[in-house]
């Protein structure tokens, strides 16, 4: 197995004459999926990510693996059927991270009960043999019992249906590990700064900079894939500077609350809000995640910030359905993510109506760009990208293997009461680190069960390079309780510094950088 350390992967760039079959720009769901797909077909693959894996949109999802009930309402049967198939495959290939979650739609009118029972029965039928369970109507009494804390006034009953729930950045890290096990080379904190072309304007590689040490590289490739999510236009401009933007970013915001607001195993789905979107309240890592919003944004960044009106919209909507209305003071963490929606060409701006289906574009230069899509369909998107690369780059036509390829860590029936369950098959190896240093068995912070051994594991085996990598994406502390995360920074920085051979100045800089980032996740009280 190839080593999952940055040093080992960096050494694969020493051969400056090497021509890679595929260079993939972007280490989110789509790029990582493409790296797994291409490497498992036997191609030589290099993936470069300017920040950390899943730093952008791919760590900021609603944590759902779903067909998209609202796309069914819009009549997009093809997209729903494809997503439901992918949902089933993901549960098979990563059972340690994906679970079958029951959702309840509370009905405050008689007609809603009929409408949603019929609609969600069709949703389930579209899943075929990969069904997660039948939709059914339940009584008012059962709805109240299953959703303690739900608003009872005017309640008629509920409709239960099934969908998937997962941990997005953990899946991204496991996909990175899978790609490396299949022979790919992956590097985070490695920014593509330009494209290399022939005199006839065909792409033959990329220029890139190692952000950690400033070294520059010229890397050759038969095909170059632009899988940079909301940043696709930046890469397209390197190819053709006058290119019109292809992506219209839409911001989605989520609030995290204590589970006491909805102490249920079921998730709540609110099908119609004042802005026409659905809103979810989902149990996630012992907390309650509520979202999402849909706000057109004119600029993109690696750290999008929730707007006040988005926060107020979620609190207001949740307050209508929960007996205990949440306030700003109750929010443990708020995070924003940008969806890379394919820009409409007719000037329409309602982003909830812009399709989430993905689009593949091959530029005259041979640059392959993918936009749109969603986490659930990442594997199918990857398959389409690699098929297109085979065609564009004249690679050997080899069939896709990922439909049945287990993802790193895959372990059936995980014990979800074990706080380490997300590591799947790696749990025992993390526990074994305590033999090396018994202190590593202790928690990083007395208020959390996250152990020091997990920090060491993430540095050695998950390419974590910064305190933020650990607290935001290897574990989800920043997303679950931002204030607690800031209390853990010094200890995490200290453990990482010893492991990476860094000095006290590095530790201090890391603590400052993380605390600056964490401010965006903590709501100020008006």
Protein backbone atom coordinates (compact mmCIF):
# COMPACT_ATOMS: atom_id res chain seq x y z
CA UNK A 1 0.00 0.00 0.00
CA UNK A 2 1.19 3.51 -0.79
CA UNK A 3 1.88 5.56 2.32
CA UNK A 4 -0.70 8.16 3.27
CA UNK A 5 1.84 10.80 4.23
CA UNK A 6 2.44 14.02 2.37
CA UNK A 7 6.20 13.30 2.16
CA UNK A 8 5.64 9.95 0.43
CA UNK A 9 3.21 11.47 -2.06
CA UNK A 10 5.49 14.45 -2.70
CA UNK A 11 8.36 12.11 -3.60
CA UNK A 12 6.30 10.90 -6.61
CA UNK A 13 6.87 14.33 -8.22
CA UNK A 14 10.66 13.87 -8.28
CA UNK A 15 10.53 12.44 -11.80
CA UNK A 16 9.99 15.69 -13.71
CA UNK A 17 9.60 13.84 -17.04
CA UNK A 18 6.70 11.69 -15.87
CA UNK A 19 3.49 12.15 -17.87
CA UNK A 20 0.43 11.41 -15.73
CA UNK A 21 -2.67 9.93 -17.35
CA UNK A 22 -4.83 12.34 -15.34
CA UNK A 23 -4.05 15.40 -13.26
CA UNK A 24 -7.11 16.30 -11.19
CA UNK A 25 -7.42 19.83 -9.80
CA UNK A 26 -9.60 19.88 -6.67
CA UNK A 27 -9.80 17.66 -3.60
CA UNK A 28 -13.51 17.75 -2.82
CA UNK A 29 -16.07 15.01 -3.36
CA UNK A 30 -15.87 15.13 -7.15
CA UNK A 31 -12.08 15.24 -7.48
CA UNK A 32 -11.51 12.56 -4.85
CA UNK A 33 -14.15 10.36 -6.47
CA UNK A 34 -12.45 10.77 -9.85
CA UNK A 35 -9.06 9.88 -8.31
CA UNK A 36 -10.51 6.65 -6.84
CA UNK A 37 -12.22 5.77 -10.12
CA UNK A 38 -9.22 6.46 -12.38
CA UNK A 39 -6.68 4.78 -10.09
CA UNK A 40 -8.86 1.69 -9.68
CA UNK A 41 -8.97 1.41 -13.49
CA UNK A 42 -5.15 1.35 -13.50
CA UNK A 43 -4.41 4.91 -14.67
CA UNK A 44 -1.64 7.06 -13.20
CA UNK A 45 -3.36 9.82 -11.24
CA UNK A 46 -2.18 13.01 -9.54
CA UNK A 47 -4.68 15.06 -7.52
CA UNK A 48 -3.78 18.56 -6.31
CA UNK A 49 -5.83 20.50 -3.73
CA UNK A 50 -5.06 24.15 -2.91
CA UNK A 51 -6.19 23.81 0.74
CA UNK A 52 -7.21 20.67 2.62
CA UNK A 53 -9.31 17.82 1.25
CA UNK A 54 -13.03 18.75 1.50
CA UNK A 55 -12.15 22.22 2.83
CA UNK A 56 -14.87 23.83 0.70
CA UNK A 57 -18.39 22.66 -0.03
CA UNK A 58 -17.65 18.99 0.61
CA UNK A 59 -17.38 19.41 4.40
CA UNK A 60 -20.36 21.77 4.65
CA UNK A 61 -23.26 19.62 3.41
CA UNK A 62 -26.57 18.84 5.16
CA UNK A 63 -25.02 15.38 5.86
CA UNK A 64 -27.68 13.64 3.74
CA UNK A 65 -27.19 10.93 1.14
CA UNK A 66 -30.47 11.34 -0.66
CA UNK A 67 -32.36 11.18 -3.92
CA UNK A 68 -33.74 14.68 -3.36
CA UNK A 69 -37.42 14.74 -2.50
CA UNK A 70 -37.74 18.26 -3.92
CA UNK A 71 -36.37 17.15 -7.32
CA UNK A 72 -39.20 14.60 -7.41
CA UNK A 73 -41.65 17.47 -6.82
CA UNK A 74 -39.99 19.30 -9.75
CA UNK A 75 -40.50 16.21 -11.91
CA UNK A 76 -36.79 15.41 -12.37
CA UNK A 77 -37.32 11.64 -12.19
CA UNK A 78 -34.00 10.77 -13.87
CA UNK A 79 -31.92 12.70 -11.34
CA UNK A 80 -33.86 11.19 -8.42
CA UNK A 81 -33.55 7.63 -9.72
CA UNK A 82 -29.79 8.02 -10.31
CA UNK A 83 -29.27 9.54 -6.85
CA UNK A 84 -31.29 6.79 -5.14
CA UNK A 85 -29.18 4.14 -6.83
CA UNK A 86 -25.99 5.92 -5.73
CA UNK A 87 -27.38 6.23 -2.19
CA UNK A 88 -27.75 2.43 -2.08
CA UNK A 89 -24.23 1.83 -3.42
CA UNK A 90 -22.75 4.25 -0.88
CA UNK A 91 -24.41 2.44 2.01
CA UNK A 92 -22.91 -0.83 0.68
CA UNK A 93 -19.41 0.60 0.13
CA UNK A 94 -19.07 2.81 3.24
CA UNK A 95 -21.41 1.36 5.90
CA UNK A 96 -19.24 2.84 8.67
CA UNK A 97 -20.15 6.38 7.52
CA UNK A 98 -23.58 6.06 5.90
CA UNK A 99 -26.73 5.05 7.74
CA UNK A 100 -30.37 4.54 6.91
CA UNK A 101 -32.17 7.43 8.65
CA UNK A 102 -35.93 7.73 9.11
CA UNK A 103 -37.43 11.16 8.42
CA UNK A 104 -40.83 12.38 9.54
CA UNK A 105 -42.84 15.07 7.77
CA UNK A 106 -45.38 16.45 10.26
CA UNK A 107 -48.78 17.10 8.63
CA UNK A 108 -50.73 20.15 9.68
CA UNK A 109 -53.51 19.56 7.16
CA UNK A 110 -55.38 16.39 6.19
CA UNK A 111 -54.38 16.75 2.53
CA UNK A 112 -50.63 16.89 3.34
CA UNK A 113 -50.81 13.37 4.77
CA UNK A 114 -52.29 11.98 1.55
CA UNK A 115 -50.02 14.02 -0.73
CA UNK A 116 -46.73 13.10 0.98
CA UNK A 117 -47.61 9.44 1.51
CA UNK A 118 -48.26 9.05 -2.23
CA UNK A 119 -45.25 11.13 -3.29
CA UNK A 120 -42.83 9.36 -0.97
CA UNK A 121 -44.13 5.94 -1.98
CA UNK A 122 -43.12 6.84 -5.56
CA UNK A 123 -39.74 8.05 -4.20
CA UNK A 124 -39.21 4.64 -2.61
CA UNK A 125 -40.34 2.73 -5.72
CA UNK A 126 -37.71 4.60 -7.78
CA UNK A 127 -35.00 3.12 -5.53
CA UNK A 128 -35.96 -0.41 -6.67
CA UNK A 129 -34.02 -3.15 -4.92
CA UNK A 130 -31.79 -0.54 -3.23
CA UNK A 131 -34.79 0.74 -1.24
CA UNK A 132 -34.15 1.99 2.32
CA UNK A 133 -37.73 1.25 3.44
CA UNK A 134 -41.34 2.02 2.60
CA UNK A 135 -42.99 5.37 3.30
CA UNK A 136 -46.02 5.21 5.61
CA UNK A 137 -48.51 7.47 7.30
CA UNK A 138 -48.49 7.61 11.13
CA UNK A 139 -51.04 9.00 13.59
CA UNK A 140 -50.81 12.27 15.50
CA UNK A 141 -50.07 10.27 18.67
CA UNK A 142 -47.21 8.36 17.01
CA UNK A 143 -45.80 11.55 15.50
CA UNK A 144 -45.65 13.21 18.94
CA UNK A 145 -44.11 10.09 20.46
CA UNK A 146 -41.41 9.83 17.77
CA UNK A 147 -40.70 13.59 17.61
CA UNK A 148 -40.80 14.82 21.21
CA UNK A 149 -40.68 18.60 21.08
CA UNK A 150 -42.74 18.90 17.87
CA UNK A 151 -45.43 21.60 17.75
CA UNK A 152 -48.71 19.77 18.56
CA UNK A 153 -51.19 22.53 17.76
CA UNK A 154 -52.99 21.73 14.51
CA UNK A 155 -51.01 18.51 13.98
CA UNK A 156 -52.91 15.78 12.09
CA UNK A 157 -50.23 13.10 11.85
CA UNK A 158 -47.00 12.44 10.00
CA UNK A 159 -45.42 10.64 7.08
CA UNK A 160 -42.30 8.54 7.70
CA UNK A 161 -39.85 7.92 4.88
CA UNK A 162 -36.22 6.74 4.70
CA UNK A 163 -33.08 8.36 3.35
CA UNK A 164 -29.35 8.27 4.03
CA UNK A 165 -27.28 10.26 6.51
CA UNK A 166 -23.48 10.49 6.62
CA UNK A 167 -20.35 12.36 7.71
CA UNK A 168 -19.16 14.26 4.64
CA UNK A 169 -15.54 15.19 5.40
CA UNK A 170 -14.84 11.76 6.95
CA UNK A 171 -16.02 10.19 3.68
CA UNK A 172 -13.74 12.58 1.77
CA UNK A 173 -10.71 11.53 3.85
CA UNK A 174 -11.57 7.85 3.36
CA UNK A 175 -11.89 8.42 -0.41
CA UNK A 176 -8.43 10.03 -0.39
CA UNK A 177 -7.06 6.96 1.41
CA UNK A 178 -8.84 4.64 -1.04
CA UNK A 179 -7.37 6.53 -4.02
CA UNK A 180 -3.87 6.17 -2.59
CA UNK A 181 -4.42 2.46 -1.90
CA UNK A 182 -5.39 2.13 -5.57
CA UNK A 183 -2.10 3.80 -6.59
CA UNK A 184 -3.01 7.49 -6.95
CA UNK A 185 -0.84 10.37 -5.71
CA UNK A 186 -2.66 13.05 -3.71
CA UNK A 187 -1.39 16.32 -2.27
CA UNK A 188 -3.18 18.90 -0.16
CA UNK A 189 -1.90 22.48 0.19
CA UNK A 190 -0.73 22.33 -3.42
CA UNK A 191 -2.09 25.07 -5.66
CA UNK A 192 -2.39 24.94 -9.43
CA UNK A 193 -1.29 28.37 -10.71
CA UNK A 194 -1.44 27.88 -14.47
CA UNK A 195 -1.91 25.49 -17.38
CA UNK A 196 0.86 24.28 -19.71
CA UNK A 197 -0.06 24.23 -23.40
CA UNK A 198 1.47 23.36 -26.76
CA UNK A 199 1.90 25.95 -29.52
CA UNK A 200 -1.44 24.72 -30.92
CA UNK A 201 -3.10 25.55 -27.58
CA UNK A 202 -3.60 21.97 -26.33
CA UNK A 203 -3.19 21.33 -22.60
CA UNK A 204 -0.21 19.15 -21.67
CA UNK A 205 0.00 19.76 -17.92
CA UNK A 206 -0.17 22.25 -15.07
CA UNK A 207 2.04 24.67 -13.15
CA UNK A 208 1.69 24.25 -9.40
CA UNK A 209 3.14 25.51 -6.14
CA UNK A 210 3.63 23.61 -2.90
CA UNK A 211 2.06 26.08 -0.46
CA UNK A 212 4.01 24.63 2.48
CA UNK A 213 7.47 25.44 1.13
CA UNK A 214 6.89 27.61 -1.95
CA UNK A 215 8.48 25.16 -4.43
CA UNK A 216 7.19 25.41 -7.99
CA UNK A 217 6.49 22.45 -10.29
CA UNK A 218 5.73 21.88 -13.95
CA UNK A 219 3.73 18.66 -14.20
CA UNK A 220 2.89 16.83 -17.42
CA UNK A 221 -0.41 15.06 -18.14
CA UNK A 222 -2.41 13.44 -20.94
CA UNK A 223 -5.60 14.91 -19.47
CA UNK A 224 -6.35 17.66 -16.94
CA UNK A 225 -9.60 17.63 -14.94
CA UNK A 226 -11.06 20.81 -13.42
CA UNK A 227 -13.09 19.54 -10.44
CA UNK A 228 -12.85 22.63 -8.26
CA UNK A 229 -16.50 23.15 -7.35
CA UNK A 230 -17.29 26.84 -6.89
CA UNK A 231 -13.76 27.64 -8.13
CA UNK A 232 -14.20 26.09 -11.63
CA UNK A 233 -14.36 29.51 -13.28
CA UNK A 234 -10.92 30.43 -11.88
CA UNK A 235 -9.38 27.43 -13.70
CA UNK A 236 -11.45 28.05 -16.85
CA UNK A 237 -10.05 31.61 -16.93
CA UNK A 238 -6.50 30.17 -16.92
CA UNK A 239 -7.59 28.30 -20.07
CA UNK A 240 -9.57 31.11 -21.77
CA UNK A 241 -9.36 34.45 -19.95
CA UNK A 242 -12.50 35.85 -21.61
CA UNK A 243 -14.70 32.88 -20.56
CA UNK A 244 -18.11 33.76 -19.10
CA UNK A 245 -18.75 32.33 -15.60
CA UNK A 246 -20.25 28.84 -15.62
CA UNK A 247 -21.08 28.60 -11.94
CA UNK A 248 -23.54 30.59 -9.89
CA UNK A 249 -22.70 29.93 -6.24
CA UNK A 250 -25.61 29.48 -3.86
CA UNK A 251 -24.95 29.62 -0.12
CA UNK A 252 -26.41 27.08 2.26
CA UNK A 253 -26.25 27.67 6.00
CA UNK A 254 -26.67 25.21 8.87
CA UNK A 255 -27.09 25.72 12.60
CA UNK A 256 -26.09 23.13 15.20
CA UNK A 257 -28.09 22.90 18.44
CA UNK A 258 -28.19 20.68 21.47
CA UNK A 259 -30.21 17.47 20.93
CA UNK A 260 -32.68 18.58 23.66
CA UNK A 261 -34.51 20.67 21.03
CA UNK A 262 -35.58 17.46 19.27
CA UNK A 263 -34.47 14.44 21.33
CA UNK A 264 -35.47 11.92 18.65
CA UNK A 265 -33.81 9.21 16.59
CA UNK A 266 -35.91 10.35 13.63
CA UNK A 267 -35.06 13.41 11.58
CA UNK A 268 -37.61 16.14 10.89
CA UNK A 269 -38.32 17.30 7.35
CA UNK A 270 -40.22 20.55 6.81
CA UNK A 271 -41.37 20.40 3.18
CA UNK A 272 -42.42 24.00 2.61
CA UNK A 273 -40.79 27.07 4.13
CA UNK A 274 -41.40 30.75 3.40
CA UNK A 275 -38.67 30.73 0.72
CA UNK A 276 -40.00 27.55 -0.86
CA UNK A 277 -37.11 25.31 0.16
CA UNK A 278 -37.25 22.28 2.41
CA UNK A 279 -35.66 22.47 5.85
CA UNK A 280 -34.17 19.52 7.72
CA UNK A 281 -33.51 18.95 11.42
CA UNK A 282 -31.25 15.92 11.57
CA UNK A 283 -29.61 14.14 14.53
CA UNK A 284 -25.86 14.19 13.85
CA UNK A 285 -23.03 13.18 16.22
CA UNK A 286 -25.18 13.65 19.36
CA UNK A 287 -26.27 17.12 18.22
CA UNK A 288 -29.12 18.50 16.09
CA UNK A 289 -28.24 19.94 12.66
CA UNK A 290 -30.78 22.33 11.12
CA UNK A 291 -30.59 23.67 7.57
CA UNK A 292 -30.35 24.67 4.89
CA UNK A 293 -30.80 28.06 3.25
CA UNK A 294 -30.51 29.04 -0.37
CA UNK A 295 -28.98 32.46 -1.00
CA UNK A 296 -27.47 33.48 -4.36
CA UNK A 297 -23.92 34.75 -3.75
CA UNK A 298 -21.83 36.82 -6.15
CA UNK A 299 -18.40 35.82 -4.90
CA UNK A 300 -16.82 32.61 -3.66
CA UNK A 301 -14.33 31.94 -0.89
CA UNK A 302 -12.83 29.06 1.06
CA UNK A 303 -14.50 30.35 4.24
CA UNK A 304 -18.01 31.57 3.40
CA UNK A 305 -19.81 33.35 6.24
CA UNK A 306 -23.46 32.92 7.26
CA UNK A 307 -25.55 36.04 6.73
CA UNK A 308 -27.71 37.28 9.59
CA UNK A 309 -30.90 36.90 7.57
CA UNK A 310 -30.06 33.22 6.88
CA UNK A 311 -29.55 32.53 10.59
CA UNK A 312 -32.80 34.31 11.47
CA UNK A 313 -34.70 32.39 8.77
CA UNK A 314 -33.59 29.03 10.19
CA UNK A 315 -34.33 30.03 13.79
CA UNK A 316 -37.74 31.44 12.80
CA UNK A 317 -38.72 28.37 10.77
CA UNK A 318 -37.50 25.91 13.44
CA UNK A 319 -39.41 27.91 16.06
CA UNK A 320 -42.68 27.30 14.20
CA UNK A 321 -42.26 23.52 14.42
CA UNK A 322 -40.53 22.99 17.78
CA UNK A 323 -42.19 23.63 21.15
CA UNK A 324 -38.87 24.98 22.44
CA UNK A 325 -37.98 27.76 19.99
CA UNK A 326 -34.18 28.06 19.55
CA UNK A 327 -32.49 31.46 19.88
CA UNK A 328 -29.07 32.74 18.79
CA UNK A 329 -27.74 31.93 22.26
CA UNK A 330 -28.57 28.23 21.71
CA UNK A 331 -26.49 27.89 18.54
CA UNK A 332 -23.36 25.81 19.19
CA UNK A 333 -21.97 26.28 15.70
CA UNK A 334 -23.05 27.90 12.44
CA UNK A 335 -21.46 27.00 9.12
CA UNK A 336 -21.92 28.08 5.54
CA UNK A 337 -21.19 26.20 2.34
CA UNK A 338 -21.39 27.15 -1.33
CA UNK A 339 -23.13 24.96 -3.88
CA UNK A 340 -21.56 25.07 -7.34
CA UNK A 341 -24.81 25.34 -9.31
CA UNK A 342 -24.46 25.44 -13.08
CA UNK A 343 -25.29 29.05 -13.98
CA UNK A 344 -28.56 29.51 -15.88
CA UNK A 345 -28.10 31.00 -19.32
CA UNK A 346 -31.43 32.91 -19.30
CA UNK A 347 -30.60 35.20 -16.40
CA UNK A 348 -32.98 33.44 -13.98
CA UNK A 349 -31.77 33.82 -10.42
CA UNK A 350 -33.91 31.48 -8.30
CA UNK A 351 -31.20 29.02 -7.34
CA UNK A 352 -33.51 26.39 -5.92
CA UNK A 353 -34.69 25.89 -9.51
CA UNK A 354 -31.21 25.65 -11.03
CA UNK A 355 -30.50 21.97 -11.61
CA UNK A 356 -28.21 20.01 -9.33
CA UNK A 357 -27.46 17.53 -12.11
CA UNK A 358 -23.82 17.68 -13.18
CA UNK A 359 -22.43 18.99 -16.44
CA UNK A 360 -19.24 17.94 -18.21
CA UNK A 361 -17.55 20.36 -20.57
CA UNK A 362 -14.48 19.75 -22.72
CA UNK A 363 -12.77 22.98 -23.81
CA UNK A 364 -11.05 23.35 -27.16
CA UNK A 365 -7.74 22.93 -25.32
CA UNK A 366 -8.81 19.54 -23.96
CA UNK A 367 -9.44 20.79 -20.39
CA UNK A 368 -12.25 18.69 -18.86
CA UNK A 369 -14.47 20.63 -16.44
CA UNK A 370 -17.24 19.25 -14.25
CA UNK A 371 -19.77 21.45 -12.48
CA UNK A 372 -22.95 20.95 -10.49
CA UNK A 373 -23.87 17.66 -8.89
CA UNK A 374 -24.05 16.76 -5.21
CA UNK A 375 -22.35 14.46 -2.69
CA UNK A 376 -24.82 11.61 -3.22
CA UNK A 377 -23.93 11.26 -6.89
CA UNK A 378 -20.15 11.82 -6.53
CA UNK A 379 -19.34 8.24 -7.71
CA UNK A 380 -21.43 8.51 -10.89
CA UNK A 381 -19.93 11.93 -11.60
CA UNK A 382 -16.45 10.44 -11.20
CA UNK A 383 -17.31 7.61 -13.58
CA UNK A 384 -18.50 10.11 -16.21
CA UNK A 385 -15.33 12.22 -15.78
CA UNK A 386 -12.99 9.25 -16.24
CA UNK A 387 -14.96 7.97 -19.24
CA UNK A 388 -14.58 11.46 -20.76
CA UNK A 389 -10.83 11.50 -19.94
CA UNK A 390 -10.39 8.14 -21.70
CA UNK A 391 -12.06 9.60 -24.80
CA UNK A 392 -10.25 12.98 -24.67
CA UNK A 393 -6.78 11.71 -23.76
CA UNK A 394 -6.78 8.53 -25.84
CA UNK A 395 -6.35 6.36 -22.72
CA UNK A 396 -6.93 2.61 -22.67
CA UNK A 397 -10.66 1.96 -22.44
CA UNK A 398 -11.07 0.18 -19.10
CA UNK A 399 -14.47 -0.27 -17.41
CA UNK A 400 -15.37 1.47 -14.14
CA UNK A 401 -14.91 -0.63 -10.98
CA UNK A 402 -16.24 1.62 -8.20
CA UNK A 403 -19.87 0.43 -7.99
CA UNK A 404 -18.71 -2.44 -5.77
CA UNK A 405 -15.38 -1.08 -4.47
CA UNK A 406 -15.33 -0.84 -0.64
CA UNK A 407 -14.17 2.55 0.61
CA UNK A 408 -11.25 2.67 3.09
CA UNK A 409 -12.43 1.89 6.62
CA UNK A 410 -15.50 0.03 5.36
CA UNK A 411 -16.98 -2.07 8.17
CA UNK A 412 -20.57 -3.35 8.26
CA UNK A 413 -22.89 -2.70 11.23
CA UNK A 414 -20.70 -0.19 13.11
CA UNK A 415 -21.30 0.29 16.82
CA UNK A 416 -22.52 3.89 16.75
CA UNK A 417 -22.29 4.13 20.56
CA UNK A 418 -18.49 4.01 20.14
CA UNK A 419 -17.38 7.65 19.59
CA UNK A 420 -14.70 6.34 17.20
CA UNK A 421 -17.19 4.52 14.94
CA UNK A 422 -16.44 6.82 11.96
CA UNK A 423 -12.96 5.28 11.64
CA UNK A 424 -14.50 1.89 10.81
CA UNK A 425 -11.80 -0.73 10.29
CA UNK A 426 -9.09 1.68 11.53
CA UNK A 427 -10.41 1.85 15.13
CA UNK A 428 -8.12 -0.88 16.45
CA UNK A 429 -5.04 0.77 14.92
CA UNK A 430 -5.90 4.07 16.65
CA UNK A 431 -6.38 2.35 20.00
CA UNK A 432 -3.02 0.56 19.46
CA UNK A 433 -1.27 3.97 19.45
CA UNK A 434 -1.87 4.04 23.20
CA UNK A 435 0.78 1.32 23.53
CA UNK A 436 3.26 3.81 22.11
CA UNK A 437 2.22 6.52 24.55
CA UNK A 438 -0.39 5.82 27.27
CA UNK A 439 -1.21 9.56 27.53
CA UNK A 440 -2.66 9.39 24.01
CA UNK A 441 -5.59 7.40 25.40
CA UNK A 442 -6.71 10.53 27.27
CA UNK A 443 -9.21 13.02 25.86
CA UNK A 444 -7.90 16.20 24.25
CA UNK A 445 -10.42 18.15 26.39
CA UNK A 446 -12.40 17.03 29.47
CA UNK A 447 -15.71 18.04 27.81
CA UNK A 448 -15.19 15.81 24.77
CA UNK A 449 -14.47 12.12 24.11
CA UNK A 450 -12.07 12.84 21.28
CA UNK A 451 -8.67 11.32 22.21
CA UNK A 452 -5.09 12.47 21.68
CA UNK A 453 -4.46 9.21 19.77
CA UNK A 454 -6.89 10.42 17.11
CA UNK A 455 -4.82 13.58 16.59
CA UNK A 456 -1.68 11.46 16.12
CA UNK A 457 -3.53 9.08 13.78
CA UNK A 458 -4.80 11.94 11.61
CA UNK A 459 -1.31 13.41 11.26
CA UNK A 460 0.30 10.05 10.44
CA UNK A 461 -2.41 8.46 8.30
CA UNK A 462 -4.85 11.14 7.14
CA UNK A 463 -2.50 13.88 5.93
CA UNK A 464 -3.70 16.45 8.50
CA UNK A 465 -1.33 19.44 8.32
CA UNK A 466 -3.00 22.13 10.43
CA UNK A 467 -5.06 22.46 13.61
CA UNK A 468 -8.03 23.35 11.42
CA UNK A 469 -7.64 20.13 9.41
CA UNK A 470 -8.00 18.22 12.69
CA UNK A 471 -10.75 20.18 14.41
CA UNK A 472 -12.89 20.93 11.33
CA UNK A 473 -12.55 17.89 9.06
CA UNK A 474 -10.73 14.88 10.63
CA UNK A 475 -13.02 15.35 13.63
CA UNK A 476 -16.05 17.60 13.44
CA UNK A 477 -15.61 19.57 16.67
CA UNK A 478 -15.65 22.99 14.95
CA UNK A 479 -18.92 22.10 13.20
CA UNK A 480 -20.50 20.67 16.36
CA UNK A 481 -19.41 23.12 19.06
CA UNK A 482 -17.22 26.00 17.90
CA UNK A 483 -16.45 27.36 21.37
CA UNK A 484 -15.30 23.95 22.55
CA UNK A 485 -13.09 23.69 19.46
CA UNK A 486 -11.29 26.91 20.41
CA UNK A 487 -10.62 25.48 23.87
CA UNK A 488 -8.91 22.48 22.25
CA UNK A 489 -6.55 24.37 19.92
CA UNK A 490 -3.53 24.64 22.22
CA UNK A 491 -3.49 20.91 23.03
CA UNK A 492 -4.02 19.89 19.38
CA UNK A 493 -1.30 22.30 18.19
CA UNK A 494 1.10 20.91 20.81
CA UNK A 495 0.47 17.28 19.80
CA UNK A 496 0.80 18.10 16.09
CA UNK A 497 3.99 20.13 16.56
CA UNK A 498 5.71 17.19 18.27
CA UNK A 499 4.55 14.81 15.51
CA UNK A 500 5.46 17.12 12.59
CA UNK A 501 8.71 18.42 14.14
CA UNK A 502 7.47 22.03 14.33
CA UNK A 503 8.54 24.73 16.79
CA UNK A 504 6.69 26.92 19.31
CA UNK A 505 6.28 29.70 16.72
CA UNK A 506 4.39 27.27 14.45
CA UNK A 507 2.16 26.29 17.38
CA UNK A 508 1.35 29.93 18.18
CA UNK A 509 0.61 30.72 14.52
CA UNK A 510 -1.68 27.67 14.26
CA UNK A 511 -3.63 28.64 17.38
CA UNK A 512 -4.12 32.19 16.09
CA UNK A 513 -5.15 31.05 12.61
CA UNK A 514 -7.66 28.55 13.94
CA UNK A 515 -9.23 30.96 16.43
CA UNK A 516 -9.61 33.53 13.66
CA UNK A 517 -11.45 30.95 11.50
CA UNK A 518 -13.60 29.75 14.42
CA UNK A 519 -15.04 33.25 14.91
CA UNK A 520 -17.17 32.68 11.79
CA UNK A 521 -18.74 29.62 13.42
CA UNK A 522 -19.73 31.38 16.65
CA UNK A 523 -22.87 33.53 16.59
CA UNK A 524 -22.65 36.91 18.24
CA UNK A 525 -25.65 37.81 20.37
CA UNK A 526 -27.54 40.90 19.26
